[in-house]
Amino acid sequence: MAAWLSVAAWLLSLTAMVPAQQTAASRPQAQAAAGAALQAALRGDANQPTITAGSVGPAAVTAQDLRHGLLCQSGAPQLPVQELTIAESHAAMLAGHLTCGQLVDAYLQRIEAFDQRAYLGSIRAINPNAKQRAAELDAELAAMRANRASALPSLFCVPLLVKDNIDVVGLATTAGNAGLADNLPLADARVIGLLQQRGALVLAKASQGEFAFFPSFCLSRHDGCRVLPLHSAGGPTDPLALALHCSVSGVVRNPYHLAHTPAGSSGGSAAAAAANLGMAALGTDTGNSVRGPASHTALVGLRPSLGLVSRAGVVPLRGDRDTVGPMVRTVEDAVRVLEAMVGPDPADPLSELLHDVPLPENYTQFLVAGGLAGARIGVLHQISNLPGASTAIQDLFERALDALRQAGAVLVDDFRIRGNSLGLDWDANRGGGGPATGHWNVRGRWEDLWGCQSPFRVGLDAYLAAGNTSRRYYSLSDIYTAGAYHLEVQEEVLTALRAPYTPEEYPTPAMRAMGMRLIQSMDAAGVQALVYPTWNSPPLKVDERAAGEYDGNNSPMIAPHTGSPAITFLGRPFDEGQLIRVAYSYEQATQHRQPPPLFPECRSPDTAAAGGASLPNSTAG
């Protein structure tokens, strides 16, 4: 198996969870180890991913440039930021080794050096207020250090990469759509306000799939693209070529292999976070879009329970399934971000689901390294064994199950969700009818997640009517009439416009019933969580599309219809605590996360000349 294929399969299995958090004191040793690993990768040592011409894709830079570290020779950062965690940055700030401004500058340096020059395409826009906000936070930091503070606010100076369907004042919210290029919000989304209260700052808007469509790739249309008839003179004749030409931010690529996709629709958030272009990222997940891209890029992607996190100020795709979740490099950092976003919001109707739900005082209490000891985990083999599943990923999934056993977990093989409205157990393959990316309604009729797009039309029209500063388009119909959309979303747009009815409010009776059956089945088996592969196939190349309806994406199968939280592991609704305990324990036991060799630490020109592609081996101060 080629080096990339082995990395891709590794990323997409449960074994893609990230390594144990390093303390600030261990940073020099960690940097030395990372430098050695990168040197091995560049030399092509056995069992190491290798930078090849193929892995670079169509970028302007060559594999040789990457081997010699030529992309980022604009100076070593004050503190090495590759794989830097929130806790590490806070320790360095309190010790006087790092300022917020230096941290922001280090990530901006990486974005400038890597994102467009390597054709990663993960960043749509830099926040012009980021440096000013960093200066304000540095004033607060100086005061806290003068008062001998022992800790900083939980997200103090965390540079965030925000998916482009989440409102941030001062930046357009395009949702990847050319028609929303001047959609300037008058207020921050609720989650942005909560994160900023904990000290976070918005560094950039990340690219995304248009309107949050496209689960297996990340693409959107740019305003300067003139849609030509497919066979017109001077225009591309192939629909896919037209699609690749007409995109808001260009194609988003996988940082582990630039010829491949990071999945979608939060592909920009995933690619940027994995390449260490920011400390944390936000994505949205309707059926896949936090967990899928995270699985493609070796990140922790957490889909919260529906209702736990507000969606106010987020361009909707499906108001009955949408949620906002963190996409980061460690479970602890995911928990820090999640914890700040949790809470009811009168502006979000799903907040009613929190009524009478006892929430924990904090979620960091569940970061227990030995949390898998004695934990019962249900295994959904019927998902991992779906027809067409990659045998390499199936093998890695089995190895991940072995790791769970070695960490003390008790696996309940072939777990089943018992009974549906037809009196049958839930079947991932629907008796040969294809993957169960929907649910049976109370009348015994199958409803696919994407079979009806009326929630998209109703939700988007309501968002546009709410009145940001954009007055170009007031409805999905206006956008369609103007042709201000990507060719590849045309079918979804037309389906939404033709849907003659308003969607039922969530949760529908059928969804409530499925959620109750899930809880009852988990209770009967005595399991704390379920596990199955997020995807059954490796990442596509950016110029490929899946053959047939099933692209290997397993994310839409259970969580969106039951409101359950998921992070590859899946838990009961509002039981994020158990999910965190299991995921953190697995992360600590396996330590699988590796940064992409294509995007090493920035360094000074003389360092690069002397040491080739090795990483700096010293910290500031």
Foldseek 3Di string as FASTA:
>chain_A
DALLVLVLLCLQFLNLAFADDDALVCVLVVQQVQLVLLLCQPVVPPPHPHQDQQLLAPAPDGSVCLLLVVLFQPAFQLFFQQVDALNNVFVCLLVVSDALLSVLVQLVSLCVRPPVRSVQLWFQWFQPCSNVLSVVLRVVSVVCSVVVPPGAQLCASFAEAEELQFADARAFRQQFFQLRRVQHFPDGFLLVVLSVVSHYDYGGYTAFARNWDWQQFEFHFDNPQDDDPLPDPPHPNDLLVSRQVGTNRGTRAALQGRQFGLGGGSRSQLRCQLLSSGAKYKDKCQQFHQQSSSSSRSWFGKDAFFLFFDCGRGQDQFLLFMDMAITHNHLLNRQSSSFSGGDHDPVRVSVVVCVVPDADPGQNVLLDQLLQAAAEAEEQVLLLPPPPFDPSSNVVNVVLVVLSVVSHHHYDYNQWLAQALVRHIDGQCVVVVGGQLFFQANVRDTDHSLPARQSNQVRNLVVLCVDGPDPSDNGLVSCVVVVRTRPVCVVSSVRNVPPPDHDDDPPDPRLCRSLVSVVVSCVVVVHFWYADRQFRDGTDGNSDDDDDDHPRGPRSRRCSSNSWMDRNITGRRSVVSSVSNSSSNSNHSSNSHDRRSSNARRHHPVCSVVPRSGGDSDHGD
